[in-house]
N, C-alpha and C. Protein backbone atom coordinates (compact mmCIF):
# COMPACT_ATOMS: atom_id res chain seq x y z
N UNK A 1 0.62 -1.18 0.10
CA UNK A 1 0.34 -0.02 0.13
C UNK A 1 1.07 0.68 0.49
N UNK A 2 0.63 1.61 -1.08
CA UNK A 2 1.33 2.97 -1.01
C UNK A 2 0.68 4.91 -0.80
N UNK A 3 -0.48 4.66 -0.28
CA UNK A 3 -0.99 5.88 -0.37
C UNK A 3 -2.20 5.11 0.69
N UNK A 4 -2.20 5.93 1.66
CA UNK A 4 -4.05 5.65 2.39
C UNK A 4 -4.86 5.76 0.94
N UNK A 5 -4.72 5.96 -0.80
CA UNK A 5 -6.40 5.65 -0.98
C UNK A 5 -5.98 5.13 -2.24
N UNK A 6 -5.33 3.05 -1.80
CA UNK A 6 -4.49 2.58 -1.46
C UNK A 6 -5.83 1.59 -1.16
N UNK A 7 -6.04 2.16 0.57
CA UNK A 7 -6.31 1.49 1.35
C UNK A 7 -7.51 0.98 1.14
N UNK A 8 -8.99 2.17 0.72
CA UNK A 8 -10.33 2.48 0.36
C UNK A 8 -10.68 1.12 -1.46
N UNK A 9 -11.88 1.12 -1.03
CA UNK A 9 -11.62 0.10 -2.45
C UNK A 9 -13.00 0.39 -2.04
N UNK A 10 -13.67 1.10 -4.26
CA UNK A 10 -15.29 0.53 -4.20
C UNK A 10 -16.10 -1.33 -4.38
N UNK A 11 -16.27 -1.34 -3.82
CA UNK A 11 -16.99 -2.80 -4.41
C UNK A 11 -18.31 -2.34 -4.83
N UNK A 12 -18.11 -3.61 -6.23
CA UNK A 12 -19.20 -3.30 -6.46
C UNK A 12 -20.37 -4.42 -7.68
N UNK A 13 -21.03 -4.50 -6.93
CA UNK A 13 -21.63 -5.47 -8.00
C UNK A 13 -22.62 -4.97 -8.82
N UNK A 14 -22.70 -5.65 -10.66
CA UNK A 14 -23.45 -5.14 -11.73
C UNK A 14 -24.37 -4.95 -11.15
N UNK A 15 -24.89 -6.53 -10.79
CA UNK A 15 -27.28 -6.95 -10.39
C UNK A 15 -27.37 -7.22 -11.44
N UNK A 16 -25.96 -8.18 -12.17
CA UNK A 16 -26.40 -9.27 -13.32
C UNK A 16 -27.78 -10.18 -13.54
N UNK A 17 -27.73 -11.04 -11.95
CA UNK A 17 -28.14 -11.89 -11.65
C UNK A 17 -29.85 -11.73 -11.14
N UNK A 18 -30.73 -12.05 -11.78
CA UNK A 18 -31.72 -12.52 -12.28
C UNK A 18 -32.50 -10.61 -11.87
N UNK A 19 -32.04 -9.86 -12.30
CA UNK A 19 -32.55 -9.31 -12.61
C UNK A 19 -32.64 -7.95 -11.71
N UNK A 20 -31.08 -8.08 -10.93
CA UNK A 20 -30.62 -7.82 -9.69
C UNK A 20 -30.34 -5.89 -10.29
N UNK A 21 -30.63 -4.99 -9.22
CA UNK A 21 -30.11 -3.81 -9.47
C UNK A 21 -28.70 -3.36 -9.12
N UNK A 22 -28.28 -2.82 -9.92
CA UNK A 22 -26.80 -2.50 -9.13
C UNK A 22 -26.64 -2.10 -7.88
N UNK A 23 -25.28 -2.84 -6.86
CA UNK A 23 -25.12 -1.50 -5.61
C UNK A 23 -24.12 -1.58 -5.76
N UNK A 24 -23.20 -1.25 -4.98
CA UNK A 24 -22.34 -0.71 -4.29
C UNK A 24 -22.07 -0.22 -2.48
N UNK A 25 -20.71 -0.97 -2.10
CA UNK A 25 -20.92 -0.50 -1.29
C UNK A 25 -18.46 -0.06 -0.57
N UNK A 26 -18.61 0.54 0.20
CA UNK A 26 -16.71 1.12 0.56
C UNK A 26 -16.26 -0.25 0.77
N UNK A 27 -15.21 -0.67 0.96
CA UNK A 27 -14.03 -1.91 1.81
C UNK A 27 -13.35 -1.19 1.16
N UNK A 28 -12.41 -2.39 2.37
CA UNK A 28 -10.57 -1.65 2.89
C UNK A 28 -10.29 -2.58 2.98
N UNK A 29 -8.97 -2.66 2.04
CA UNK A 29 -7.83 -3.63 1.51
C UNK A 29 -7.28 -3.97 2.35
N UNK A 30 -7.47 -5.10 3.04
CA UNK A 30 -6.29 -5.31 4.10
C UNK A 30 -5.64 -6.94 3.57
N UNK A 31 -4.42 -6.63 4.56
CA UNK A 31 -2.60 -7.88 3.73
C UNK A 31 -2.70 -8.10 4.57
N UNK A 32 -2.30 -9.50 4.90
CA UNK A 32 -1.35 -10.09 6.09
C UNK A 32 -0.88 -11.29 5.50
N UNK A 33 0.10 -11.43 5.99
CA UNK A 33 1.26 -12.59 5.27
C UNK A 33 1.08 -12.89 4.29
N UNK A 34 1.06 -12.15 3.06
CA UNK A 34 1.10 -11.24 2.11
C UNK A 34 -1.01 -11.84 0.38
N UNK A 35 -1.53 -12.88 1.48
CA UNK A 35 -3.30 -12.97 0.88
C UNK A 35 -2.84 -11.41 1.22
N UNK A 36 -3.77 -11.13 0.54
CA UNK A 36 -5.22 -9.91 0.94
C UNK A 36 -6.57 -9.27 0.38
N UNK A 37 -7.61 -8.72 0.39
CA UNK A 37 -8.57 -9.21 0.64
C UNK A 37 -8.93 -7.91 0.88
N UNK A 38 -9.79 -7.50 0.32
CA UNK A 38 -10.81 -6.12 1.26
C UNK A 38 -12.38 -6.77 1.72
N UNK A 39 -12.41 -6.47 3.09
CA UNK A 39 -13.55 -6.09 3.82
C UNK A 39 -14.05 -5.40 2.98
N UNK A 40 -15.85 -5.66 3.09
CA UNK A 40 -17.02 -4.12 3.41
C UNK A 40 -17.14 -3.81 4.50
N UNK A 41 -17.04 -1.99 4.34
CA UNK A 41 -17.13 -1.46 5.86
C UNK A 41 -18.49 -1.06 5.78
N UNK A 42 -19.40 -0.97 5.37
CA UNK A 42 -20.60 -0.48 4.98
C UNK A 42 -21.36 -0.96 4.20
N UNK A 43 -23.02 -0.95 4.38
CA UNK A 43 -24.22 -1.65 4.06
C UNK A 43 -23.83 -1.49 2.30
N UNK A 44 -24.85 -2.71 0.98
CA UNK A 44 -24.28 -2.50 0.31
C UNK A 44 -25.56 -1.73 -0.18
N UNK A 45 -25.72 -0.29 -1.39
CA UNK A 45 -26.93 1.27 -1.50
C UNK A 45 -26.72 0.86 -3.16
N UNK A 46 -28.40 1.00 -2.52
CA UNK A 46 -28.64 1.55 -4.57
C UNK A 46 -28.68 2.24 -4.46
N UNK A 47 -28.22 3.35 -4.02
CA UNK A 47 -28.11 4.59 -4.97
C UNK A 47 -26.63 5.66 -4.65
N UNK A 48 -26.09 5.96 -4.86
CA UNK A 48 -25.72 7.49 -4.81
C UNK A 48 -25.49 7.88 -3.12
N UNK A 49 -26.81 9.16 -3.71
CA UNK A 49 -26.73 9.24 -2.21
C UNK A 49 -26.73 8.80 -0.87
N UNK A 50 -27.10 6.79 -1.30
CA UNK A 50 -27.24 6.06 0.29
C UNK A 50 -25.42 5.56 -0.04
N UNK A 51 -25.15 5.48 -0.37
CA UNK A 51 -23.53 5.23 -0.60
C UNK A 51 -23.11 6.17 0.44
N UNK A 52 -23.53 7.91 -0.06
CA UNK A 52 -22.54 8.60 0.56
C UNK A 52 -23.15 8.93 1.85
N UNK A 53 -24.43 8.27 2.14
CA UNK A 53 -24.41 8.62 3.79
C UNK A 53 -23.33 7.03 4.54
N UNK A 54 -23.79 6.05 4.14
CA UNK A 54 -22.99 4.86 4.91
C UNK A 54 -21.05 6.26 4.56
N UNK A 55 -20.52 5.77 4.40
CA UNK A 55 -19.25 7.26 3.65
C UNK A 55 -18.71 7.84 4.38
N UNK A 56 -20.20 8.78 4.98
CA UNK A 56 -20.02 10.51 6.12
C UNK A 56 -20.97 9.39 7.52
N UNK A 57 -20.91 8.41 7.78
CA UNK A 57 -20.74 7.25 8.91
C UNK A 57 -19.51 7.40 9.25
N UNK A 58 -18.70 6.58 7.58
CA UNK A 58 -17.00 5.89 7.76
C UNK A 58 -16.83 7.04 8.54
N UNK A 59 -16.57 8.49 8.61
CA UNK A 59 -15.97 9.79 8.06
C UNK A 59 -16.60 9.95 10.01
N UNK A 60 -17.60 9.38 9.91
CA UNK A 60 -18.49 10.38 12.03
C UNK A 60 -17.64 10.01 12.47
N UNK A 61 -17.40 8.22 12.44
CA UNK A 61 -16.68 7.24 13.01
C UNK A 61 -15.17 6.97 13.09
N UNK A 62 -14.81 7.73 12.37
CA UNK A 62 -13.00 8.87 12.07
C UNK A 62 -12.64 9.06 12.88
N UNK A 63 -14.25 10.03 13.28
CA UNK A 63 -13.74 11.40 13.41
C UNK A 63 -13.27 10.64 14.88
N UNK A 64 -14.05 10.75 15.35
CA UNK A 64 -14.49 10.44 16.88
C UNK A 64 -12.96 9.59 17.29
N UNK A 65 -12.37 8.48 16.64
CA UNK A 65 -11.50 8.50 17.71
C UNK A 65 -9.97 9.26 16.98
N UNK A 66 -10.12 9.85 16.25
CA UNK A 66 -9.25 10.71 15.67
C UNK A 66 -9.93 11.48 17.11
N UNK A 67 -10.31 12.46 17.61
CA UNK A 67 -10.36 13.35 19.09
C UNK A 67 -10.44 12.10 20.08
N UNK A 68 -10.83 10.45 20.09
CA UNK A 68 -9.79 9.96 21.38
C UNK A 68 -8.24 9.86 21.75
N UNK A 69 -7.54 10.11 20.02
CA UNK A 69 -6.13 10.36 20.73
C UNK A 69 -5.48 11.44 20.58
N UNK A 70 -7.04 12.31 19.94
CA UNK A 70 -5.71 13.91 19.99
C UNK A 70 -6.21 13.61 22.58
N UNK A 71 -7.52 13.62 22.52
CA UNK A 71 -7.70 13.51 24.26
C UNK A 71 -6.40 12.37 24.81
N UNK A 72 -5.71 11.65 24.21
CA UNK A 72 -4.14 10.90 24.90
C UNK A 72 -3.43 10.95 24.46
N UNK A 73 -3.07 12.23 23.19
CA UNK A 73 -2.02 12.78 23.80
C UNK A 73 -1.34 14.33 24.07
N UNK A 74 -2.66 14.20 24.47
CA UNK A 74 -3.39 15.58 25.53
C UNK A 74 -2.66 15.39 26.49
N UNK A 75 -3.31 14.70 26.95
CA UNK A 75 -3.37 14.06 28.43
C UNK A 75 -1.41 13.98 28.44
N UNK A 76 -0.63 13.24 28.04
CA UNK A 76 0.38 12.82 28.04
C UNK A 76 1.35 14.10 28.37
N UNK A 77 1.06 14.93 27.36
CA UNK A 77 1.87 16.13 27.27
C UNK A 77 1.11 17.15 28.38
N UNK A 78 0.05 17.15 29.13
CA UNK A 78 0.20 17.59 30.67
C UNK A 78 0.44 16.87 31.34
N UNK A 79 0.65 16.00 31.55
CA UNK A 79 1.27 14.65 32.50
C UNK A 79 3.28 15.66 32.54
N UNK A 80 3.00 15.22 30.77
CA UNK A 80 5.39 15.49 31.22
C UNK A 80 5.54 16.63 31.13
N UNK A 81 4.32 17.89 31.03
CA UNK A 81 4.08 19.48 31.32
C UNK A 81 4.74 19.76 33.15
N UNK A 82 3.82 18.97 33.72
CA UNK A 82 3.67 18.86 35.63
C UNK A 82 5.24 17.75 35.49
N UNK A 83 5.54 17.48 34.83
CA UNK A 83 7.06 15.97 35.25
C UNK A 83 6.17 14.34 35.58
N UNK A 84 5.63 14.29 35.10
CA UNK A 84 4.98 12.88 35.12
C UNK A 84 5.72 11.78 33.99
N UNK A 85 6.67 11.40 34.70
CA UNK A 85 6.35 9.99 33.59
C UNK A 85 6.34 9.33 33.45
N UNK A 86 6.30 8.04 32.23
CA UNK A 86 6.03 6.60 32.21
C UNK A 86 6.54 6.02 33.22
N UNK A 87 6.25 5.71 34.56
CA UNK A 87 7.76 3.67 34.92
C UNK A 87 7.45 4.73 36.33
N UNK A 88 6.95 6.22 36.83
CA UNK A 88 6.73 6.75 37.71
C UNK A 88 6.57 5.08 38.97
N UNK A 89 6.42 5.51 40.09
CA UNK A 89 6.37 4.78 40.92
C UNK A 89 5.11 5.88 42.19
N UNK A 90 4.03 5.23 42.49
CA UNK A 90 3.12 5.94 43.35
C UNK A 90 4.53 7.32 44.21
N UNK A 91 5.02 6.92 45.14
CA UNK A 91 5.91 7.32 45.57
C UNK A 91 6.57 8.34 45.22
N UNK A 92 6.64 8.97 43.68
CA UNK A 92 7.01 9.37 42.75
C UNK A 92 6.17 10.67 42.24
N UNK A 93 4.80 9.53 42.40
CA UNK A 93 3.70 10.27 41.16
C UNK A 93 3.53 11.86 41.80
N UNK A 94 3.16 11.33 43.57
CA UNK A 94 2.64 12.03 45.06
C UNK A 94 3.86 12.62 44.71
N UNK A 95 5.04 12.70 44.76
CA UNK A 95 5.13 13.37 44.84
C UNK A 95 5.58 14.97 43.88
N UNK A 96 5.67 14.32 43.12
CA UNK A 96 4.73 15.58 41.86
C UNK A 96 3.30 16.52 41.91
N UNK A 97 2.23 15.56 42.25
CA UNK A 97 1.24 15.92 42.50
C UNK A 97 0.56 16.33 43.95
N UNK A 98 1.99 16.59 43.96
CA UNK A 98 1.13 17.67 46.10
C UNK A 98 2.11 18.79 45.65
N UNK A 99 3.15 18.96 44.51
CA UNK A 99 3.30 20.25 44.16
C UNK A 99 2.64 20.76 43.19
N UNK A 100 1.38 20.68 43.27
CA UNK A 100 0.89 21.54 42.00
C UNK A 100 -0.04 22.15 42.91
N UNK A 101 -0.20 23.73 42.80
CA UNK A 101 -0.57 24.19 43.87
C UNK A 101 -2.61 24.48 43.17
N UNK A 102 -1.89 24.81 42.43
CA UNK A 102 -3.40 24.31 41.49
C UNK A 102 -4.00 23.62 41.94
N UNK A 103 -6.10 23.27 42.57
CA UNK A 103 -6.80 22.62 43.17
C UNK A 103 -7.26 22.23 41.75
N UNK A 104 -7.29 22.24 41.01
CA UNK A 104 -7.48 22.17 38.96
C UNK A 104 -6.62 21.66 38.71
N UNK A 105 -5.65 21.74 38.53
CA UNK A 105 -4.73 21.01 37.72
C UNK A 105 -4.61 19.93 38.30
N UNK A 106 -4.21 20.24 39.59
CA UNK A 106 -3.76 18.83 41.31
C UNK A 106 -5.00 18.39 41.10
N UNK A 107 -6.79 18.18 40.26
CA UNK A 107 -7.32 17.07 40.00
C UNK A 107 -6.70 16.19 38.87
N UNK A 108 -6.90 17.48 37.95
CA UNK A 108 -6.95 17.21 36.14
C UNK A 108 -5.39 15.55 35.77
N UNK A 109 -4.85 16.27 36.67
CA UNK A 109 -3.60 15.02 36.65
C UNK A 109 -3.70 13.98 36.98
N UNK A 110 -3.82 14.35 38.07
CA UNK A 110 -4.63 13.13 38.26
C UNK A 110 -5.54 11.92 38.81
N UNK A 111 -6.68 12.91 38.00
CA UNK A 111 -8.07 12.14 37.57
C UNK A 111 -6.84 11.80 35.47
N UNK A 112 -6.22 11.82 35.24
CA UNK A 112 -5.65 12.14 33.95
C UNK A 112 -5.14 10.27 33.39
N UNK A 113 -4.89 9.81 34.99
CA UNK A 113 -3.43 8.95 35.49
C UNK A 113 -4.26 7.99 34.87
N UNK A 114 -3.25 6.26 34.34
CA UNK A 114 -4.45 5.37 34.46
C UNK A 114 -5.06 4.09 35.55
N UNK A 115 -5.66 3.78 34.62
CA UNK A 115 -6.27 3.91 36.74
C UNK A 115 -5.97 2.58 37.65
N UNK A 116 -5.14 1.50 36.86
CA UNK A 116 -4.21 1.14 38.08
C UNK A 116 -2.38 1.45 39.40
N UNK A 117 -2.65 3.25 38.44
CA UNK A 117 -2.17 3.94 38.87
C UNK A 117 -2.48 4.79 40.39
N UNK A 118 -3.90 5.21 40.07
CA UNK A 118 -4.43 6.63 40.45
C UNK A 118 -4.80 5.81 41.67
N UNK A 119 -5.01 3.79 41.70
CA UNK A 119 -5.29 3.27 42.60
C UNK A 119 -3.75 3.21 43.70
N UNK A 120 -2.83 3.26 42.61
CA UNK A 120 -1.15 2.95 43.48
C UNK A 120 -1.23 4.40 44.34
N UNK A 121 -1.22 5.04 43.51
CA UNK A 121 -1.55 6.56 44.00
C UNK A 121 -1.59 6.45 45.70
N UNK A 122 -3.31 6.70 45.00
CA UNK A 122 -4.45 6.61 46.84
C UNK A 122 -3.56 6.06 47.15
N UNK A 123 -3.89 4.86 47.16
CA UNK A 123 -3.13 3.84 48.16
C UNK A 123 -2.12 4.58 49.88
N UNK A 124 -0.65 5.21 48.46
CA UNK A 124 -0.01 5.12 49.04
C UNK A 124 -0.29 6.86 49.99
N UNK A 125 -1.43 7.64 49.31
CA UNK A 125 -1.34 8.79 50.51
C UNK A 125 -2.59 8.57 50.93
N UNK A 126 -3.34 7.30 51.29
CA UNK A 126 -4.32 6.95 52.31
C UNK A 126 -3.39 6.61 53.07
N UNK A 127 -2.24 5.67 53.08
CA UNK A 127 -1.29 4.85 54.34
C UNK A 127 -0.78 5.53 54.69
N UNK A 128 -0.29 6.76 54.21
CA UNK A 128 2.09 6.57 54.69
C UNK A 128 1.70 8.40 54.27
N UNK A 129 0.39 8.97 53.42
CA UNK A 129 0.30 10.94 53.33
C UNK A 129 -1.05 11.49 55.76
N UNK A 130 -0.50 12.51 55.74
CA UNK A 130 -0.57 12.60 56.48
C UNK A 130 -1.51 14.07 55.78
N UNK A 131 -3.14 13.20 56.34
CA UNK A 131 -4.72 13.33 54.37
C UNK A 131 -4.75 14.74 55.47
N UNK A 132 -4.02 15.11 56.39
CA UNK A 132 -5.42 16.44 57.42
C UNK A 132 -4.17 17.87 56.57
N UNK A 133 -3.82 18.06 55.83
CA UNK A 133 -3.16 18.74 55.26
C UNK A 133 -2.46 19.13 53.06
N UNK A 134 -2.35 20.27 52.98
CA UNK A 134 -2.15 19.72 52.15
C UNK A 134 -2.80 19.86 51.00
N UNK A 135 -2.51 18.56 49.11
CA UNK A 135 -3.15 18.21 49.08
C UNK A 135 -3.31 17.00 49.60
N UNK A 136 -3.02 15.84 50.63
CA UNK A 136 -3.38 15.22 50.79
C UNK A 136 -4.98 15.82 51.87
N UNK A 137 -4.93 16.50 52.27
CA UNK A 137 -6.35 17.11 52.74
C UNK A 137 -6.96 16.75 51.67
N UNK A 138 -7.11 18.29 50.39
CA UNK A 138 -7.57 18.27 49.19
C UNK A 138 -8.11 16.62 48.07
N UNK A 139 -7.45 15.87 48.37
CA UNK A 139 -7.21 13.77 47.94
C UNK A 139 -8.52 13.23 48.76
N UNK A 140 -7.94 13.36 50.09
CA UNK A 140 -8.84 11.96 50.84
C UNK A 140 -10.51 12.71 50.66
N UNK A 141 -10.29 14.61 50.90
CA UNK A 141 -11.68 14.72 50.78
C UNK A 141 -12.22 13.72 48.83
N UNK A 142 -11.21 14.10 47.86
CA UNK A 142 -12.77 13.87 47.43
C UNK A 142 -11.26 12.72 45.96
N UNK A 143 -11.93 11.80 46.58
CA UNK A 143 -11.01 10.52 45.99
C UNK A 143 -11.81 9.69 46.37
N UNK A 144 -12.88 9.31 44.54
CA UNK A 144 -13.98 7.59 45.39
C UNK A 144 -13.17 6.77 45.06
N UNK A 145 -12.90 5.52 45.84
CA UNK A 145 -12.35 4.44 46.47
C UNK A 145 -13.25 4.05 44.74
N UNK A 146 -14.82 3.64 44.05
CA UNK A 146 -14.99 3.18 43.75
C UNK A 146 -15.16 2.59 42.27
N UNK A 147 -14.54 4.90 41.79
CA UNK A 147 -14.41 5.19 40.52
C UNK A 147 -12.88 4.95 40.08
N UNK A 148 -11.90 4.88 41.86
CA UNK A 148 -11.12 5.51 41.31
C UNK A 148 -10.62 7.29 40.82
N UNK A 149 -10.96 7.70 40.78
CA UNK A 149 -10.98 9.62 40.81
C UNK A 149 -11.94 10.47 41.90
N UNK A 150 -10.72 11.52 41.30
CA UNK A 150 -11.27 12.57 42.55
C UNK A 150 -12.35 13.41 41.60
N UNK A 151 -13.09 13.88 42.28
CA UNK A 151 -14.41 14.48 42.24
C UNK A 151 -14.55 16.55 41.56
């Protein structure tokens, strides 16, 4: 596949059997271990307008996926801005989080962590930190154990 144009293909059925109507659908070309096939990704359409609606549906789905990717990249950039790095332990993460002065940023950074990291940090804060002062106090008041998020 040289370009993205090579990935998508119009699948046309001329409708010659038993006087059937011609129809078309959008397909995606897949290559795996030297084998190549085109898999339909829209329903079969008997008019241009119907196919156009199906293609717009695919575009909307791709747009939602792109939006999710944007959130992930922005979350990562924000975490790096505050000094959070992949592989940090709960104590290191708490050290960074507890230094964040703005409560909104503090909550946002905590909530942007993966669930397992949020739970590790929560265990660290609730068992090893003074929950009556500083960000530990905010944390203990706003942390929800069921969701592992701060409200």
